[in-house]
C-alpha cells in the first residue's frame, strides 16, 4: 500500500503554545485511520495543519507525493483533500441544496454534479426530503450530514473528519458512524479525529493515540481497543 498522506515531525504552535510537538503519521490508500486523544491533545490542530488551515511551525506534510506545507487550503481541495470541520461549519443562511452545491464548486459538469448529489442522498436520504430548508434551522446531527455531504460532493481522495460525533445524540452518532463505515468499505481513504475512542477504534484499520501534542501509541484499531493503557485512559475501564 502506498501512503496517500505522510506527516513527518509536524509541529504546530499558536499564541506561544506548542499544540503539536513533532508527530509522525501516515495514511495509506483505502485505509481508515483514527487519531484519538483527550480534549486539548492536539488532534484538531494536526488536522488543521494537514488541511492547510494552519501553517505548521515545522515538519513536512506530503499528500499524494507532493509537499503541501506552503499550499493554501483551496489548493489542497483541488488536489483531493476533503475536510469535515469540527463544529460542522455549514452555511447557515443557505439551503441544504446550496450547501451541497458549494462542495462541488470546482466542478463544471452539471450532469456529474447531479449524479454526485443523488449518491449523497443514498447516504443521507433525510437531506433529500428537505432540500430547500435553511441549514441553520437543522438539528446538530442533520448539520453534520450536510457537512459530510458537502465534503463528499468534491469527490475527495482523502476525507478528513474532525470530531464528527461531537454534541450529537446517541442515535445520530450511530447514523453518522454507519455512513463513515460504509464510505470506508467502499474504498474511501479516511483520517478520523474522534474523542469517542471506542467507536473510532472499533472501525479503524490503524490508530494513533495523541497526548499533550505527541503521539504515544500506535497500532491496529482492534489491538489498541484491547490495550490496558487505552482502556484505562479512554474507555473508562
C-alpha atoms as a PDB file:
ATOM      1  CA  UNK A   1       0.000   0.000   0.000  1.00  0.00           C
ATOM      2  CA  UNK A   2       1.231   3.479  -0.834  1.00  0.00           C
ATOM      3  CA  UNK A   3       0.932   6.343   1.648  1.00  0.00           C
ATOM      4  CA  UNK A   4      -1.567   8.908   0.412  1.00  0.00           C
ATOM      5  CA  UNK A   5      -0.669  11.180   3.324  1.00  0.00           C
ATOM      6  CA  UNK A   6       2.713  11.319   5.030  1.00  0.00           C
ATOM      7  CA  UNK A   7       3.383  13.586   8.024  1.00  0.00           C
ATOM      8  CA  UNK A   8       6.883  13.889   9.497  1.00  0.00           C
ATOM      9  CA  UNK A   9       7.934  15.755  12.636  1.00  0.00           C
ATOM     10  CA  UNK A  10       4.933  18.083  12.409  1.00  0.00           C
ATOM     11  CA  UNK A  11       4.928  20.948  14.899  1.00  0.00           C
ATOM     12  CA  UNK A  12       2.110  23.444  15.267  1.00  0.00           C
ATOM     13  CA  UNK A  13       2.218  26.473  17.550  1.00  0.00           C
ATOM     14  CA  UNK A  14      -0.080  29.434  18.028  1.00  0.00           C
ATOM     15  CA  UNK A  15      -0.283  32.089  20.681  1.00  0.00           C
ATOM     16  CA  UNK A  16       3.020  30.894  22.106  1.00  0.00           C
ATOM     17  CA  UNK A  17       1.547  27.462  22.817  1.00  0.00           C
ATOM     18  CA  UNK A  18       3.109  24.364  21.243  1.00  0.00           C
ATOM     19  CA  UNK A  19      -0.042  22.453  20.363  1.00  0.00           C
ATOM     20  CA  UNK A  20       1.682  19.750  18.296  1.00  0.00           C
ATOM     21  CA  UNK A  21       5.235  18.846  19.289  1.00  0.00           C
ATOM     22  CA  UNK A  22       6.631  16.800  16.427  1.00  0.00           C
ATOM     23  CA  UNK A  23       4.393  13.958  15.255  1.00  0.00           C
ATOM     24  CA  UNK A  24       4.787  11.346  12.525  1.00  0.00           C
ATOM     25  CA  UNK A  25       1.794   9.680  10.944  1.00  0.00           C
ATOM     26  CA  UNK A  26       0.725   8.273   7.607  1.00  0.00           C
ATOM     27  CA  UNK A  27      -2.482   7.185   5.922  1.00  0.00           C
ATOM     28  CA  UNK A  28      -2.346   4.541   3.194  1.00  0.00           C
ATOM     29  CA  UNK A  29      -4.667   4.390   0.213  1.00  0.00           C
ATOM     30  CA  UNK A  30      -8.008   2.851   1.244  1.00  0.00           C
ATOM     31  CA  UNK A  31      -7.345   2.934   4.997  1.00  0.00           C
ATOM     32  CA  UNK A  32      -9.473   4.312   7.797  1.00  0.00           C
ATOM     33  CA  UNK A  33      -7.005   5.741  10.308  1.00  0.00           C
ATOM     34  CA  UNK A  34      -8.165   7.172  13.648  1.00  0.00           C
ATOM     35  CA  UNK A  35      -6.429   9.815  15.735  1.00  0.00           C
ATOM     36  CA  UNK A  36      -7.748   9.666  19.291  1.00  0.00           C
ATOM     37  CA  UNK A  37      -6.927  11.505  22.492  1.00  0.00           C
ATOM     38  CA  UNK A  38      -8.350  13.736  25.189  1.00  0.00           C
ATOM     39  CA  UNK A  39      -9.612  17.235  24.535  1.00  0.00           C
ATOM     40  CA  UNK A  40      -6.635  19.556  24.006  1.00  0.00           C
ATOM     41  CA  UNK A  41      -4.248  16.778  22.948  1.00  0.00           C
ATOM     42  CA  UNK A  42      -3.524  18.477  19.617  1.00  0.00           C
ATOM     43  CA  UNK A  43      -5.704  16.351  17.342  1.00  0.00           C
ATOM     44  CA  UNK A  44      -7.664  19.169  15.686  1.00  0.00           C
ATOM     45  CA  UNK A  45      -4.537  21.328  15.361  1.00  0.00           C
ATOM     46  CA  UNK A  46      -2.877  18.468  13.479  1.00  0.00           C
ATOM     47  CA  UNK A  47      -5.862  18.146  11.157  1.00  0.00           C
ATOM     48  CA  UNK A  48      -5.962  21.893  10.518  1.00  0.00           C
ATOM     49  CA  UNK A  49      -2.287  21.865   9.572  1.00  0.00           C
ATOM     50  CA  UNK A  50      -2.790  18.894   7.239  1.00  0.00           C
ATOM     51  CA  UNK A  51      -5.759  20.617   5.560  1.00  0.00           C
ATOM     52  CA  UNK A  52      -3.920  23.929   5.105  1.00  0.00           C
ATOM     53  CA  UNK A  53      -5.964  25.922   7.626  1.00  0.00           C
ATOM     54  CA  UNK A  54      -2.987  26.322   9.977  1.00  0.00           C
ATOM     55  CA  UNK A  55       0.599  26.863   8.918  1.00  0.00           C
ATOM     56  CA  UNK A  56       2.950  24.373  10.597  1.00  0.00           C
ATOM     57  CA  UNK A  57       5.835  25.734  12.667  1.00  0.00           C
ATOM     58  CA  UNK A  58       7.988  22.991  11.169  1.00  0.00           C
ATOM     59  CA  UNK A  59       7.908  19.474   9.768  1.00  0.00           C
ATOM     60  CA  UNK A  60       6.756  18.081   6.458  1.00  0.00           C
ATOM     61  CA  UNK A  61       3.354  17.155   5.077  1.00  0.00           C
ATOM     62  CA  UNK A  62       3.125  15.196   1.840  1.00  0.00           C
ATOM     63  CA  UNK A  63      -0.155  14.487   0.078  1.00  0.00           C
ATOM     64  CA  UNK A  64      -0.042  12.239  -2.989  1.00  0.00           C
ATOM     65  CA  UNK A  65       3.772  12.511  -3.071  1.00  0.00           C
ATOM     66  CA  UNK A  66       3.811  16.314  -3.082  1.00  0.00           C
ATOM     67  CA  UNK A  67       4.874  18.568  -0.224  1.00  0.00           C
ATOM     68  CA  UNK A  68       1.925  20.700   0.806  1.00  0.00           C
ATOM     69  CA  UNK A  69       3.199  22.737   3.796  1.00  0.00           C
ATOM     70  CA  UNK A  70       3.074  26.023   1.896  1.00  0.00           C
ATOM     71  CA  UNK A  71      -0.118  25.403  -0.067  1.00  0.00           C
ATOM     72  CA  UNK A  72      -3.365  27.238   0.778  1.00  0.00           C
ATOM     73  CA  UNK A  73      -6.384  25.194   1.777  1.00  0.00           C
ATOM     74  CA  UNK A  74      -8.237  25.746  -1.521  1.00  0.00           C
ATOM     75  CA  UNK A  75      -5.287  24.285  -3.441  1.00  0.00           C
ATOM     76  CA  UNK A  76      -5.445  21.162  -1.296  1.00  0.00           C
ATOM     77  CA  UNK A  77      -9.156  20.841  -2.054  1.00  0.00           C
ATOM     78  CA  UNK A  78      -8.284  20.907  -5.772  1.00  0.00           C
ATOM     79  CA  UNK A  79      -5.791  18.107  -5.180  1.00  0.00           C
ATOM     80  CA  UNK A  80      -8.374  15.924  -3.473  1.00  0.00           C
ATOM     81  CA  UNK A  81      -8.362  16.739   0.231  1.00  0.00           C
ATOM     82  CA  UNK A  82     -11.809  16.970   1.810  1.00  0.00           C
ATOM     83  CA  UNK A  83     -12.432  18.282   5.336  1.00  0.00           C
ATOM     84  CA  UNK A  84     -15.492  17.976   7.540  1.00  0.00           C
ATOM     85  CA  UNK A  85     -14.549  20.544  10.200  1.00  0.00           C
ATOM     86  CA  UNK A  86     -15.129  20.390  13.926  1.00  0.00           C
ATOM     87  CA  UNK A  87     -18.405  22.171  14.641  1.00  0.00           C
ATOM     88  CA  UNK A  88     -19.643  21.307  11.121  1.00  0.00           C
ATOM     89  CA  UNK A  89     -19.234  24.786   9.607  1.00  0.00           C
ATOM     90  CA  UNK A  90     -22.374  24.736   7.473  1.00  0.00           C
ATOM     91  CA  UNK A  91     -23.513  27.896   5.680  1.00  0.00           C
ATOM     92  CA  UNK A  92     -26.465  28.592   7.942  1.00  0.00           C
ATOM     93  CA  UNK A  93     -28.293  31.085   5.706  1.00  0.00           C
ATOM     94  CA  UNK A  94     -28.076  28.808   2.687  1.00  0.00           C
ATOM     95  CA  UNK A  95     -30.324  25.870   1.937  1.00  0.00           C
ATOM     96  CA  UNK A  96     -29.257  22.254   2.190  1.00  0.00           C
ATOM     97  CA  UNK A  97     -29.032  22.102  -1.605  1.00  0.00           C
ATOM     98  CA  UNK A  98     -26.896  25.257  -1.788  1.00  0.00           C
ATOM     99  CA  UNK A  99     -24.569  23.910   0.906  1.00  0.00           C
ATOM    100  CA  UNK A 100     -24.106  20.677  -1.021  1.00  0.00           C
ATOM    101  CA  UNK A 101     -23.546  22.551  -4.275  1.00  0.00           C
ATOM    102  CA  UNK A 102     -20.787  24.557  -2.566  1.00  0.00           C
ATOM    103  CA  UNK A 103     -18.928  21.281  -2.148  1.00  0.00           C
ATOM    104  CA  UNK A 104     -18.840  20.929  -5.947  1.00  0.00           C
ATOM    105  CA  UNK A 105     -17.707  24.493  -6.683  1.00  0.00           C
ATOM    106  CA  UNK A 106     -14.631  23.243  -8.574  1.00  0.00           C
ATOM    107  CA  UNK A 107     -16.740  21.101 -10.889  1.00  0.00           C
ATOM    108  CA  UNK A 108     -18.282  22.356 -14.143  1.00  0.00           C
ATOM    109  CA  UNK A 109     -20.162  19.290 -15.403  1.00  0.00           C
ATOM    110  CA  UNK A 110     -23.780  19.798 -14.284  1.00  0.00           C
ATOM    111  CA  UNK A 111     -24.709  16.194 -15.044  1.00  0.00           C
ATOM    112  CA  UNK A 112     -21.822  14.864 -12.925  1.00  0.00           C
ATOM    113  CA  UNK A 113     -22.784  17.218 -10.081  1.00  0.00           C
ATOM    114  CA  UNK A 114     -26.371  15.938 -10.145  1.00  0.00           C
ATOM    115  CA  UNK A 115     -25.166  12.336 -10.158  1.00  0.00           C
ATOM    116  CA  UNK A 116     -22.986  13.066  -7.131  1.00  0.00           C
ATOM    117  CA  UNK A 117     -25.954  14.702  -5.379  1.00  0.00           C
ATOM    118  CA  UNK A 118     -28.000  11.559  -5.875  1.00  0.00           C
ATOM    119  CA  UNK A 119     -25.140   9.489  -4.457  1.00  0.00           C
ATOM    120  CA  UNK A 120     -25.012  11.724  -1.361  1.00  0.00           C
ATOM    121  CA  UNK A 121     -28.772  11.229  -0.925  1.00  0.00           C
ATOM    122  CA  UNK A 122     -28.270   7.452  -0.800  1.00  0.00           C
ATOM    123  CA  UNK A 123     -26.186   8.027   2.338  1.00  0.00           C
ATOM    124  CA  UNK A 124     -28.369  10.805   3.748  1.00  0.00           C
ATOM    125  CA  UNK A 125     -31.962  10.383   2.474  1.00  0.00           C
ATOM    126  CA  UNK A 126     -33.160  12.850   5.117  1.00  0.00           C
ATOM    127  CA  UNK A 127     -31.394  15.668   3.253  1.00  0.00           C
ATOM    128  CA  UNK A 128     -33.269  14.965   0.035  1.00  0.00           C
ATOM    129  CA  UNK A 129     -36.587  15.353   1.855  1.00  0.00           C
ATOM    130  CA  UNK A 130     -35.835  18.966   2.826  1.00  0.00           C
ATOM    131  CA  UNK A 131     -33.502  20.401   0.208  1.00  0.00           C
ATOM    132  CA  UNK A 132     -34.910  23.932   0.402  1.00  0.00           C
ATOM    133  CA  UNK A 133     -34.622  24.150   4.212  1.00  0.00           C
ATOM    134  CA  UNK A 134     -32.041  26.588   5.588  1.00  0.00           C
ATOM    135  CA  UNK A 135     -29.084  24.744   7.091  1.00  0.00           C
ATOM    136  CA  UNK A 136     -29.175  26.948  10.201  1.00  0.00           C
ATOM    137  CA  UNK A 137     -32.587  25.540  11.141  1.00  0.00           C
ATOM    138  CA  UNK A 138     -31.401  21.921  11.189  1.00  0.00           C
ATOM    139  CA  UNK A 139     -30.501  19.830  14.220  1.00  0.00           C
ATOM    140  CA  UNK A 140     -26.828  19.234  15.004  1.00  0.00           C
ATOM    141  CA  UNK A 141     -26.990  15.747  13.510  1.00  0.00           C
ATOM    142  CA  UNK A 142     -28.612  16.985  10.317  1.00  0.00           C
ATOM    143  CA  UNK A 143     -25.977  19.720  10.015  1.00  0.00           C
ATOM    144  CA  UNK A 144     -23.322  17.007  10.365  1.00  0.00           C
ATOM    145  CA  UNK A 145     -24.972  15.179   7.460  1.00  0.00           C
ATOM    146  CA  UNK A 146     -24.839  18.376   5.388  1.00  0.00           C
ATOM    147  CA  UNK A 147     -21.166  18.936   6.244  1.00  0.00           C
ATOM    148  CA  UNK A 148     -20.274  15.367   5.302  1.00  0.00           C
ATOM    149  CA  UNK A 149     -22.365  15.504   2.135  1.00  0.00           C
ATOM    150  CA  UNK A 150     -20.718  18.794   1.144  1.00  0.00           C
ATOM    151  CA  UNK A 151     -17.245  17.250   1.507  1.00  0.00           C
ATOM    152  CA  UNK A 152     -18.316  14.172  -0.466  1.00  0.00           C
ATOM    153  CA  UNK A 153     -19.527  16.369  -3.341  1.00  0.00           C
ATOM    154  CA  UNK A 154     -15.882  17.250  -4.077  1.00  0.00           C
ATOM    155  CA  UNK A 155     -15.062  13.536  -4.509  1.00  0.00           C
ATOM    156  CA  UNK A 156     -12.044  13.681  -2.185  1.00  0.00           C
ATOM    157  CA  UNK A 157      -9.159  11.245  -2.425  1.00  0.00           C
ATOM    158  CA  UNK A 158      -8.713  11.674   1.338  1.00  0.00           C
ATOM    159  CA  UNK A 159     -11.529  12.624   3.697  1.00  0.00           C
ATOM    160  CA  UNK A 160     -10.599  14.308   6.982  1.00  0.00           C
ATOM    161  CA  UNK A 161     -13.268  14.081   9.686  1.00  0.00           C
ATOM    162  CA  UNK A 162     -12.826  16.293  12.754  1.00  0.00           C
ATOM    163  CA  UNK A 163     -14.899  15.147  15.756  1.00  0.00           C
ATOM    164  CA  UNK A 164     -17.983  14.017  13.783  1.00  0.00           C
ATOM    165  CA  UNK A 165     -19.791  12.721  16.901  1.00  0.00           C
ATOM    166  CA  UNK A 166     -19.381  15.900  18.965  1.00  0.00           C
ATOM    167  CA  UNK A 167     -22.629  17.128  20.508  1.00  0.00           C
ATOM    168  CA  UNK A 168     -24.833  14.551  18.782  1.00  0.00           C
ATOM    169  CA  UNK A 169     -27.482  12.300  20.298  1.00  0.00           C
ATOM    170  CA  UNK A 170     -26.535   8.601  20.608  1.00  0.00           C
ATOM    171  CA  UNK A 171     -28.865   7.596  17.767  1.00  0.00           C
ATOM    172  CA  UNK A 172     -27.423  10.281  15.484  1.00  0.00           C
ATOM    173  CA  UNK A 173     -23.868   9.231  16.374  1.00  0.00           C
ATOM    174  CA  UNK A 174     -24.822   5.707  15.286  1.00  0.00           C
ATOM    175  CA  UNK A 175     -26.236   7.030  12.000  1.00  0.00           C
ATOM    176  CA  UNK A 176     -23.144   9.127  11.223  1.00  0.00           C
ATOM    177  CA  UNK A 177     -20.746   6.310  12.068  1.00  0.00           C
ATOM    178  CA  UNK A 178     -22.721   3.870   9.916  1.00  0.00           C
ATOM    179  CA  UNK A 179     -22.108   6.225   6.988  1.00  0.00           C
ATOM    180  CA  UNK A 180     -18.396   6.527   7.833  1.00  0.00           C
ATOM    181  CA  UNK A 181     -18.151   2.741   7.960  1.00  0.00           C
ATOM    182  CA  UNK A 182     -19.930   2.396   4.596  1.00  0.00           C
ATOM    183  CA  UNK A 183     -17.685   5.027   2.983  1.00  0.00           C
ATOM    184  CA  UNK A 184     -14.625   3.200   4.279  1.00  0.00           C
ATOM    185  CA  UNK A 185     -15.883  -0.147   2.997  1.00  0.00           C
ATOM    186  CA  UNK A 186     -16.480   1.433  -0.414  1.00  0.00           C
ATOM    187  CA  UNK A 187     -12.762   2.258  -0.591  1.00  0.00           C
ATOM    188  CA  UNK A 188     -12.632   5.870   0.572  1.00  0.00           C
ATOM    189  CA  UNK A 189      -9.458   6.825   2.450  1.00  0.00           C
ATOM    190  CA  UNK A 190     -10.342   8.461   5.781  1.00  0.00           C
ATOM    191  CA  UNK A 191      -8.456  10.153   8.616  1.00  0.00           C
ATOM    192  CA  UNK A 192     -10.808  10.364  11.588  1.00  0.00           C
ATOM    193  CA  UNK A 193     -10.182  12.593  14.609  1.00  0.00           C
ATOM    194  CA  UNK A 194     -12.559  11.500  17.327  1.00  0.00           C
ATOM    195  CA  UNK A 195     -12.982  11.795  21.104  1.00  0.00           C
ATOM    196  CA  UNK A 196     -15.193   8.702  21.231  1.00  0.00           C
ATOM    197  CA  UNK A 197     -12.250   6.304  21.388  1.00  0.00           C
ATOM    198  CA  UNK A 198     -14.307   3.120  21.491  1.00  0.00           C
ATOM    199  CA  UNK A 199     -16.265   3.906  18.325  1.00  0.00           C
ATOM    200  CA  UNK A 200     -13.187   5.118  16.476  1.00  0.00           C
ATOM    201  CA  UNK A 201     -11.029   2.107  17.373  1.00  0.00           C
ATOM    202  CA  UNK A 202     -13.789  -0.366  16.518  1.00  0.00           C
ATOM    203  CA  UNK A 203     -13.807   0.982  12.960  1.00  0.00           C
ATOM    204  CA  UNK A 204     -10.176   1.913  12.360  1.00  0.00           C
ATOM    205  CA  UNK A 205      -7.693  -0.162  10.397  1.00  0.00           C
ATOM    206  CA  UNK A 206      -4.955   1.634  12.342  1.00  0.00           C
ATOM    207  CA  UNK A 207      -4.962   4.310  15.005  1.00  0.00           C
ATOM    208  CA  UNK A 208      -2.736   6.801  16.761  1.00  0.00           C
ATOM    209  CA  UNK A 209      -3.140   7.913  20.366  1.00  0.00           C
ATOM    210  CA  UNK A 210      -2.196  11.548  20.980  1.00  0.00           C
ATOM    211  CA  UNK A 211      -1.364  13.073  24.360  1.00  0.00           C
ATOM    212  CA  UNK A 212      -0.147  16.629  25.027  1.00  0.00           C
ATOM    213  CA  UNK A 213       0.902  17.229  21.416  1.00  0.00           C
ATOM    214  CA  UNK A 214       2.745  13.911  20.988  1.00  0.00           C
ATOM    215  CA  UNK A 215       1.788  10.506  19.607  1.00  0.00           C
ATOM    216  CA  UNK A 216       2.250   7.999  22.424  1.00  0.00           C
ATOM    217  CA  UNK A 217       0.791   4.801  20.956  1.00  0.00           C
ATOM    218  CA  UNK A 218       0.045   3.435  17.510  1.00  0.00           C
ATOM    219  CA  UNK A 219      -1.199   0.140  16.121  1.00  0.00           C
ATOM    220  CA  UNK A 220      -4.185  -1.674  14.599  1.00  0.00           C
ATOM    221  CA  UNK A 221      -7.504  -0.340  15.921  1.00  0.00           C
ATOM    222  CA  UNK A 222      -8.530  -3.710  17.356  1.00  0.00           C
ATOM    223  CA  UNK A 223      -5.249  -4.098  19.248  1.00  0.00           C
ATOM    224  CA  UNK A 224      -5.416  -0.619  20.760  1.00  0.00           C
ATOM    225  CA  UNK A 225      -9.013  -1.329  21.813  1.00  0.00           C
ATOM    226  CA  UNK A 226      -7.639  -4.143  23.989  1.00  0.00           C
ATOM    227  CA  UNK A 227      -4.581  -2.210  25.255  1.00  0.00           C
ATOM    228  CA  UNK A 228      -4.861  -1.726  29.045  1.00  0.00           C
ATOM    229  CA  UNK A 229      -3.422   1.815  28.806  1.00  0.00           C
ATOM    230  CA  UNK A 230      -6.089   2.818  26.275  1.00  0.00           C
ATOM    231  CA  UNK A 231      -8.863   1.067  28.206  1.00  0.00           C
ATOM    232  CA  UNK A 232      -7.919   2.916  31.402  1.00  0.00           C
ATOM    233  CA  UNK A 233      -7.375   6.347  29.869  1.00  0.00           C
ATOM    234  CA  UNK A 234     -10.099   6.500  27.203  1.00  0.00           C
ATOM    235  CA  UNK A 235     -12.650   3.746  27.755  1.00  0.00           C
ATOM    236  CA  UNK A 236     -13.281   4.323  31.461  1.00  0.00           C
ATOM    237  CA  UNK A 237     -12.282   0.807  32.457  1.00  0.00           C
END
